[in-house]
Every structure is written in structure tokens, then in C-alpha cells.
Amino acid sequence: MSITAGPAGVYNGNAYQGVAGASYASVQNGYTATVGGVSPIGVAAQVNTLKTYATQLAALASNSTVTANGPGGPNSYLLTGTDPTLEVFSLPIADLAGPLYFNVRAGATVLVNVVGSGPVTNYQ
């Protein structure tokens, strides 16, 4: 898999780009940008842990509501939370193409489980 992103502004911390070449990070406040070499956070070692977390989060039942044709009109969705601490939403991947609006409780954690696979393009 290849991800291209940038340019990126990094204001409070160092930047690391795993692939050698031109850096797309603009680093500020005396921090540095490293291009190529060994990842400083050991991503490969974290893969199994992250997969376990992802499986646990995906298993959480939706406890909040999703309404089609939200405030943005057709193809938009209003996600309304109903839990004071953890608001869980479930959306088919196709619904990510339109704008999402959230009506959630202050202080609650929001989890949006995306169901399905395929590309997503959202220019909102």
C-alpha cells in the first residue's frame, strides 16, 4: 500500500517520512524532519496490537442513530449520540462519500465503525 499526503505542517514535534526522497513536511519551532531510515515508533511491532484493538472496537454494538439526508441535504448524514460516555455509530463505507454532521454529547468519546471495503473519496 502506498499513501501520499502533503504538504504537511508540523508545529510541535519531529516529523518522520519512511520513504527516502523529498520531504513533504514543513517543520517548525526547532523540531526536525527525518527522511528514510528506521521508524522511531516501531510501527511494525505495533501491528498485532492495533489489529486486536480494531477487532475489539468493530465488535461494539451501535448505540446511536444515523439519519440520512441530514442538515447538508441529500447524501449527507446526521449522527446523533445517545450515550453520555461512548457513542458508537455504524456506517456503510458508501455513506462516507457525503458530509457527516455530528450531534454528540460534550465529553463523550465518539466511535464510527465503517462497514465494508473499497475506496472512499470525500472532498467536503
N, C-alpha and C. Protein backbone atom coordinates (compact mmCIF):
# COMPACT_ATOMS: atom_id res chain seq x y z
N MET A 1 0.85 -1.17 0.00
CA MET A 1 0.00 0.00 0.00
C MET A 1 0.89 1.23 0.00
N SER A 2 0.47 2.24 -0.70
CA SER A 2 1.21 3.48 -0.76
C SER A 2 0.27 4.63 -0.44
N ILE A 3 0.70 5.49 0.46
CA ILE A 3 -0.09 6.65 0.83
C ILE A 3 0.72 7.90 0.51
N THR A 4 0.11 8.82 -0.19
CA THR A 4 0.76 10.09 -0.48
C THR A 4 -0.03 11.17 0.22
N ALA A 5 0.63 11.94 1.02
CA ALA A 5 -0.02 13.04 1.73
C ALA A 5 0.94 14.21 1.78
N GLY A 6 0.39 15.37 1.78
CA GLY A 6 1.26 16.51 1.94
C GLY A 6 0.85 17.63 1.03
N PRO A 7 1.44 18.76 1.18
CA PRO A 7 2.45 19.03 2.20
C PRO A 7 1.83 19.06 3.59
N ALA A 8 2.64 18.80 4.59
CA ALA A 8 2.17 18.77 5.97
C ALA A 8 2.94 19.78 6.79
N GLY A 9 2.24 20.50 7.64
CA GLY A 9 2.87 21.42 8.57
C GLY A 9 2.96 20.77 9.93
N VAL A 10 4.15 20.66 10.48
CA VAL A 10 4.35 20.08 11.81
C VAL A 10 4.85 21.19 12.72
N TYR A 11 4.06 21.53 13.73
CA TYR A 11 4.39 22.69 14.55
C TYR A 11 4.94 22.34 15.92
N ASN A 12 4.64 21.16 16.44
CA ASN A 12 5.08 20.82 17.78
C ASN A 12 5.56 19.38 17.84
N GLY A 13 6.64 19.07 17.19
CA GLY A 13 7.19 17.73 17.24
C GLY A 13 7.99 17.43 15.99
N ASN A 14 8.74 16.34 16.06
CA ASN A 14 9.55 15.93 14.93
C ASN A 14 8.68 15.21 13.90
N ALA A 15 9.13 15.19 12.65
CA ALA A 15 8.42 14.51 11.58
C ALA A 15 9.30 13.38 11.06
N TYR A 16 8.67 12.29 10.67
CA TYR A 16 9.39 11.15 10.09
C TYR A 16 8.68 10.72 8.82
N GLN A 17 9.43 10.56 7.76
CA GLN A 17 8.92 10.07 6.48
C GLN A 17 9.67 8.81 6.16
N GLY A 18 8.96 7.68 6.05
CA GLY A 18 9.60 6.38 5.90
C GLY A 18 10.26 6.13 4.58
N VAL A 19 9.83 6.80 3.53
CA VAL A 19 10.37 6.56 2.20
C VAL A 19 11.38 7.66 1.87
N ALA A 20 12.55 7.24 1.41
CA ALA A 20 13.58 8.21 1.05
C ALA A 20 13.10 9.07 -0.11
N GLY A 21 13.52 10.30 -0.14
CA GLY A 21 13.14 11.23 -1.20
C GLY A 21 12.88 12.59 -0.60
N ALA A 22 12.20 13.42 -1.36
CA ALA A 22 11.92 14.77 -0.89
C ALA A 22 10.93 14.73 0.27
N SER A 23 11.19 15.53 1.30
CA SER A 23 10.29 15.59 2.44
C SER A 23 9.11 16.48 2.12
N TYR A 24 7.93 16.05 2.54
CA TYR A 24 6.72 16.85 2.36
C TYR A 24 6.32 17.56 3.64
N ALA A 25 7.18 17.52 4.65
CA ALA A 25 6.85 18.12 5.94
C ALA A 25 7.55 19.45 6.10
N SER A 26 6.80 20.44 6.52
CA SER A 26 7.35 21.73 6.88
C SER A 26 7.39 21.75 8.41
N VAL A 27 8.59 21.64 8.98
CA VAL A 27 8.75 21.50 10.43
C VAL A 27 9.09 22.85 11.04
N GLN A 28 8.39 23.18 12.12
CA GLN A 28 8.53 24.49 12.76
C GLN A 28 9.06 24.36 14.19
N ASN A 29 9.36 25.48 14.79
CA ASN A 29 9.70 25.59 16.22
C ASN A 29 10.91 24.77 16.65
N GLY A 30 11.89 24.64 15.77
CA GLY A 30 13.14 23.97 16.16
C GLY A 30 13.11 22.45 16.11
N TYR A 31 12.03 21.84 15.62
CA TYR A 31 11.97 20.39 15.51
C TYR A 31 12.62 19.95 14.20
N THR A 32 12.75 18.65 13.98
CA THR A 32 13.45 18.16 12.79
C THR A 32 12.57 17.23 11.97
N ALA A 33 12.92 17.10 10.69
CA ALA A 33 12.27 16.15 9.79
C ALA A 33 13.30 15.11 9.38
N THR A 34 12.98 13.84 9.54
CA THR A 34 13.86 12.75 9.14
C THR A 34 13.22 12.06 7.94
N VAL A 35 14.02 11.81 6.91
CA VAL A 35 13.53 11.16 5.71
C VAL A 35 14.27 9.84 5.54
N GLY A 36 13.52 8.73 5.50
CA GLY A 36 14.10 7.40 5.34
C GLY A 36 14.68 6.88 6.64
N GLY A 37 15.05 5.61 6.64
CA GLY A 37 15.64 5.01 7.83
C GLY A 37 14.61 4.27 8.67
N VAL A 38 15.00 3.91 9.87
CA VAL A 38 14.17 3.12 10.76
C VAL A 38 13.14 4.01 11.45
N SER A 39 11.90 3.54 11.50
CA SER A 39 10.82 4.31 12.14
C SER A 39 11.10 4.48 13.62
N PRO A 40 10.96 5.69 14.14
CA PRO A 40 11.21 5.92 15.56
C PRO A 40 10.13 5.36 16.48
N ILE A 41 8.99 4.95 15.92
CA ILE A 41 7.92 4.45 16.78
C ILE A 41 7.66 2.95 16.63
N GLY A 42 8.43 2.25 15.84
CA GLY A 42 8.29 0.81 15.73
C GLY A 42 6.93 0.36 15.26
N VAL A 43 6.45 0.91 14.16
CA VAL A 43 5.11 0.59 13.66
C VAL A 43 4.94 -0.90 13.43
N ALA A 44 5.93 -1.55 12.85
CA ALA A 44 5.82 -2.99 12.56
C ALA A 44 5.55 -3.79 13.83
N ALA A 45 6.15 -3.39 14.93
CA ALA A 45 5.96 -4.11 16.20
C ALA A 45 4.56 -3.87 16.78
N GLN A 46 3.89 -2.83 16.34
CA GLN A 46 2.58 -2.49 16.89
C GLN A 46 1.41 -3.05 16.08
N VAL A 47 1.68 -3.66 14.94
CA VAL A 47 0.61 -4.11 14.05
C VAL A 47 -0.35 -5.05 14.74
N ASN A 48 0.13 -6.09 15.42
CA ASN A 48 -0.78 -7.04 16.08
C ASN A 48 -1.60 -6.38 17.17
N THR A 49 -0.99 -5.50 17.94
CA THR A 49 -1.72 -4.79 18.99
C THR A 49 -2.83 -3.94 18.38
N LEU A 50 -2.53 -3.23 17.31
CA LEU A 50 -3.53 -2.38 16.66
C LEU A 50 -4.64 -3.20 16.02
N LYS A 51 -4.30 -4.35 15.45
CA LYS A 51 -5.32 -5.23 14.87
C LYS A 51 -6.25 -5.74 15.96
N THR A 52 -5.71 -6.07 17.12
CA THR A 52 -6.53 -6.53 18.25
C THR A 52 -7.49 -5.43 18.69
N TYR A 53 -6.98 -4.21 18.83
CA TYR A 53 -7.84 -3.08 19.21
C TYR A 53 -8.93 -2.86 18.16
N ALA A 54 -8.56 -2.92 16.90
CA ALA A 54 -9.53 -2.70 15.83
C ALA A 54 -10.64 -3.75 15.87
N THR A 55 -10.28 -5.00 16.13
CA THR A 55 -11.29 -6.06 16.24
C THR A 55 -12.22 -5.81 17.41
N GLN A 56 -11.67 -5.39 18.54
CA GLN A 56 -12.50 -5.09 19.72
C GLN A 56 -13.45 -3.92 19.46
N LEU A 57 -12.95 -2.87 18.82
CA LEU A 57 -13.79 -1.71 18.53
C LEU A 57 -14.87 -2.05 17.51
N ALA A 58 -14.54 -2.86 16.51
CA ALA A 58 -15.52 -3.25 15.49
C ALA A 58 -16.64 -4.08 16.08
N ALA A 59 -16.37 -4.78 17.17
CA ALA A 59 -17.38 -5.64 17.80
C ALA A 59 -18.37 -4.86 18.67
N LEU A 60 -18.09 -3.60 18.96
CA LEU A 60 -19.01 -2.82 19.78
C LEU A 60 -20.30 -2.55 19.02
N ALA A 61 -21.42 -2.77 19.69
CA ALA A 61 -22.73 -2.54 19.07
C ALA A 61 -23.01 -1.05 18.96
N SER A 62 -23.62 -0.67 17.85
CA SER A 62 -24.03 0.73 17.67
C SER A 62 -25.06 1.08 18.73
N ASN A 63 -24.89 2.23 19.38
CA ASN A 63 -25.85 2.68 20.39
C ASN A 63 -26.37 4.09 20.10
N SER A 64 -26.12 4.56 18.88
CA SER A 64 -26.53 5.90 18.49
C SER A 64 -27.17 5.83 17.11
N THR A 65 -27.75 6.92 16.65
CA THR A 65 -28.53 6.88 15.41
C THR A 65 -27.87 7.62 14.27
N VAL A 66 -28.12 7.12 13.06
CA VAL A 66 -27.66 7.75 11.83
C VAL A 66 -28.89 8.06 10.99
N THR A 67 -29.04 9.31 10.59
CA THR A 67 -30.19 9.74 9.80
C THR A 67 -29.71 10.22 8.44
N ALA A 68 -30.26 9.61 7.37
CA ALA A 68 -29.91 10.03 6.01
C ALA A 68 -30.55 11.37 5.71
N ASN A 69 -30.01 12.05 4.70
CA ASN A 69 -30.49 13.37 4.29
C ASN A 69 -30.46 14.35 5.46
N GLY A 70 -29.27 14.45 6.06
CA GLY A 70 -29.06 15.32 7.21
C GLY A 70 -29.08 16.79 6.85
N PRO A 71 -28.50 17.63 7.70
CA PRO A 71 -28.54 19.08 7.51
C PRO A 71 -27.92 19.55 6.19
N GLY A 72 -27.04 18.73 5.61
CA GLY A 72 -26.40 19.10 4.36
C GLY A 72 -27.20 18.71 3.14
N GLY A 73 -28.42 18.19 3.32
CA GLY A 73 -29.26 17.81 2.20
C GLY A 73 -29.03 16.37 1.79
N PRO A 74 -29.43 16.04 0.56
CA PRO A 74 -29.28 14.66 0.07
C PRO A 74 -27.83 14.20 0.16
N ASN A 75 -27.65 12.94 0.45
CA ASN A 75 -26.33 12.32 0.58
C ASN A 75 -25.53 12.83 1.77
N SER A 76 -26.16 13.51 2.72
CA SER A 76 -25.48 13.87 3.96
C SER A 76 -26.11 13.06 5.08
N TYR A 77 -25.41 12.94 6.20
CA TYR A 77 -25.87 12.10 7.30
C TYR A 77 -25.71 12.84 8.62
N LEU A 78 -26.72 12.72 9.46
CA LEU A 78 -26.67 13.29 10.80
C LEU A 78 -26.46 12.13 11.77
N LEU A 79 -25.38 12.18 12.52
CA LEU A 79 -25.08 11.16 13.52
C LEU A 79 -25.40 11.75 14.89
N THR A 80 -26.39 11.16 15.55
CA THR A 80 -26.87 11.67 16.84
C THR A 80 -26.51 10.70 17.94
N GLY A 81 -25.73 11.16 18.89
CA GLY A 81 -25.31 10.32 20.00
C GLY A 81 -26.37 10.21 21.06
N THR A 82 -26.40 9.05 21.74
CA THR A 82 -27.40 8.83 22.78
C THR A 82 -26.78 8.33 24.08
N ASP A 83 -25.47 8.24 24.13
CA ASP A 83 -24.81 7.71 25.32
C ASP A 83 -23.90 8.79 25.90
N PRO A 84 -23.89 8.98 27.21
CA PRO A 84 -23.08 10.06 27.79
C PRO A 84 -21.57 9.82 27.78
N THR A 85 -21.14 8.58 27.57
CA THR A 85 -19.70 8.33 27.63
C THR A 85 -19.10 7.78 26.34
N LEU A 86 -19.80 6.84 25.66
CA LEU A 86 -19.28 6.25 24.43
C LEU A 86 -20.40 6.16 23.40
N GLU A 87 -20.30 6.98 22.37
CA GLU A 87 -21.31 6.99 21.32
C GLU A 87 -20.76 6.23 20.12
N VAL A 88 -21.41 5.10 19.81
CA VAL A 88 -20.93 4.21 18.75
C VAL A 88 -21.88 4.29 17.56
N PHE A 89 -21.32 4.58 16.40
CA PHE A 89 -22.09 4.65 15.16
C PHE A 89 -21.57 3.58 14.21
N SER A 90 -22.43 3.09 13.35
CA SER A 90 -22.04 2.12 12.32
C SER A 90 -22.52 2.67 10.98
N LEU A 91 -21.58 2.80 10.04
CA LEU A 91 -21.90 3.35 8.72
C LEU A 91 -21.37 2.45 7.62
N PRO A 92 -22.17 2.20 6.59
CA PRO A 92 -21.62 1.53 5.41
C PRO A 92 -20.59 2.45 4.75
N ILE A 93 -19.57 1.87 4.17
CA ILE A 93 -18.49 2.67 3.58
C ILE A 93 -19.02 3.63 2.52
N ALA A 94 -20.06 3.26 1.79
CA ALA A 94 -20.60 4.13 0.75
C ALA A 94 -21.13 5.45 1.32
N ASP A 95 -21.55 5.44 2.59
CA ASP A 95 -22.09 6.66 3.20
C ASP A 95 -21.02 7.69 3.52
N LEU A 96 -19.77 7.32 3.40
CA LEU A 96 -18.69 8.27 3.69
C LEU A 96 -18.44 9.23 2.54
N ALA A 97 -19.10 9.03 1.42
CA ALA A 97 -18.89 9.92 0.27
C ALA A 97 -19.54 11.28 0.49
N GLY A 98 -20.53 11.37 1.37
CA GLY A 98 -21.20 12.64 1.62
C GLY A 98 -20.78 13.21 2.96
N PRO A 99 -21.17 14.45 3.24
CA PRO A 99 -20.78 15.07 4.52
C PRO A 99 -21.47 14.41 5.71
N LEU A 100 -20.75 14.34 6.83
CA LEU A 100 -21.28 13.81 8.08
C LEU A 100 -21.41 14.96 9.07
N TYR A 101 -22.53 15.00 9.76
CA TYR A 101 -22.77 16.00 10.80
C TYR A 101 -22.96 15.26 12.11
N PHE A 102 -22.34 15.74 13.18
CA PHE A 102 -22.41 15.07 14.47
C PHE A 102 -23.17 15.92 15.48
N ASN A 103 -24.08 15.28 16.19
CA ASN A 103 -24.78 15.87 17.33
C ASN A 103 -24.49 14.94 18.50
N VAL A 104 -23.41 15.21 19.20
CA VAL A 104 -22.95 14.30 20.25
C VAL A 104 -22.81 15.06 21.57
N ARG A 105 -22.78 14.30 22.65
CA ARG A 105 -22.71 14.90 23.98
C ARG A 105 -21.30 15.38 24.30
N ALA A 106 -21.21 16.50 24.97
CA ALA A 106 -19.91 17.03 25.39
C ALA A 106 -19.24 16.02 26.30
N GLY A 107 -17.98 15.75 26.06
CA GLY A 107 -17.21 14.84 26.89
C GLY A 107 -17.32 13.38 26.49
N ALA A 108 -18.23 13.02 25.60
CA ALA A 108 -18.37 11.63 25.18
C ALA A 108 -17.30 11.28 24.14
N THR A 109 -16.88 10.03 24.13
CA THR A 109 -16.00 9.52 23.09
C THR A 109 -16.88 9.07 21.94
N VAL A 110 -16.47 9.39 20.71
CA VAL A 110 -17.24 9.04 19.52
C VAL A 110 -16.47 8.01 18.71
N LEU A 111 -17.14 6.90 18.39
CA LEU A 111 -16.54 5.85 17.57
C LEU A 111 -17.43 5.64 16.36
N VAL A 112 -16.85 5.75 15.17
CA VAL A 112 -17.59 5.47 13.93
C VAL A 112 -16.98 4.22 13.32
N ASN A 113 -17.72 3.11 13.37
CA ASN A 113 -17.29 1.87 12.74
C ASN A 113 -17.75 1.90 11.28
N VAL A 114 -16.82 1.76 10.37
CA VAL A 114 -17.12 1.76 8.94
C VAL A 114 -17.19 0.32 8.47
N VAL A 115 -18.33 -0.04 7.88
CA VAL A 115 -18.59 -1.41 7.45
C VAL A 115 -18.41 -1.52 5.95
N GLY A 116 -17.59 -2.48 5.53
CA GLY A 116 -17.37 -2.69 4.10
C GLY A 116 -15.94 -2.39 3.72
N SER A 117 -15.69 -2.45 2.43
CA SER A 117 -14.35 -2.15 1.94
C SER A 117 -14.47 -1.45 0.60
N GLY A 118 -13.40 -0.82 0.22
CA GLY A 118 -13.37 -0.11 -1.05
C GLY A 118 -12.84 1.29 -0.87
N PRO A 119 -12.67 2.00 -1.97
CA PRO A 119 -12.13 3.36 -1.89
C PRO A 119 -13.16 4.35 -1.38
N VAL A 120 -12.67 5.40 -0.74
CA VAL A 120 -13.52 6.48 -0.26
C VAL A 120 -12.93 7.79 -0.74
N THR A 121 -13.75 8.59 -1.35
CA THR A 121 -13.33 9.93 -1.77
C THR A 121 -14.32 10.91 -1.18
N ASN A 122 -13.82 11.85 -0.37
CA ASN A 122 -14.68 12.84 0.25
C ASN A 122 -13.97 14.17 0.16
N TYR A 123 -14.56 15.09 -0.55
CA TYR A 123 -13.95 16.40 -0.74
C TYR A 123 -14.63 17.47 0.10
N GLN A 124 -15.36 17.07 1.13
CA GLN A 124 -16.11 18.02 1.95
C GLN A 124 -15.19 18.79 2.85
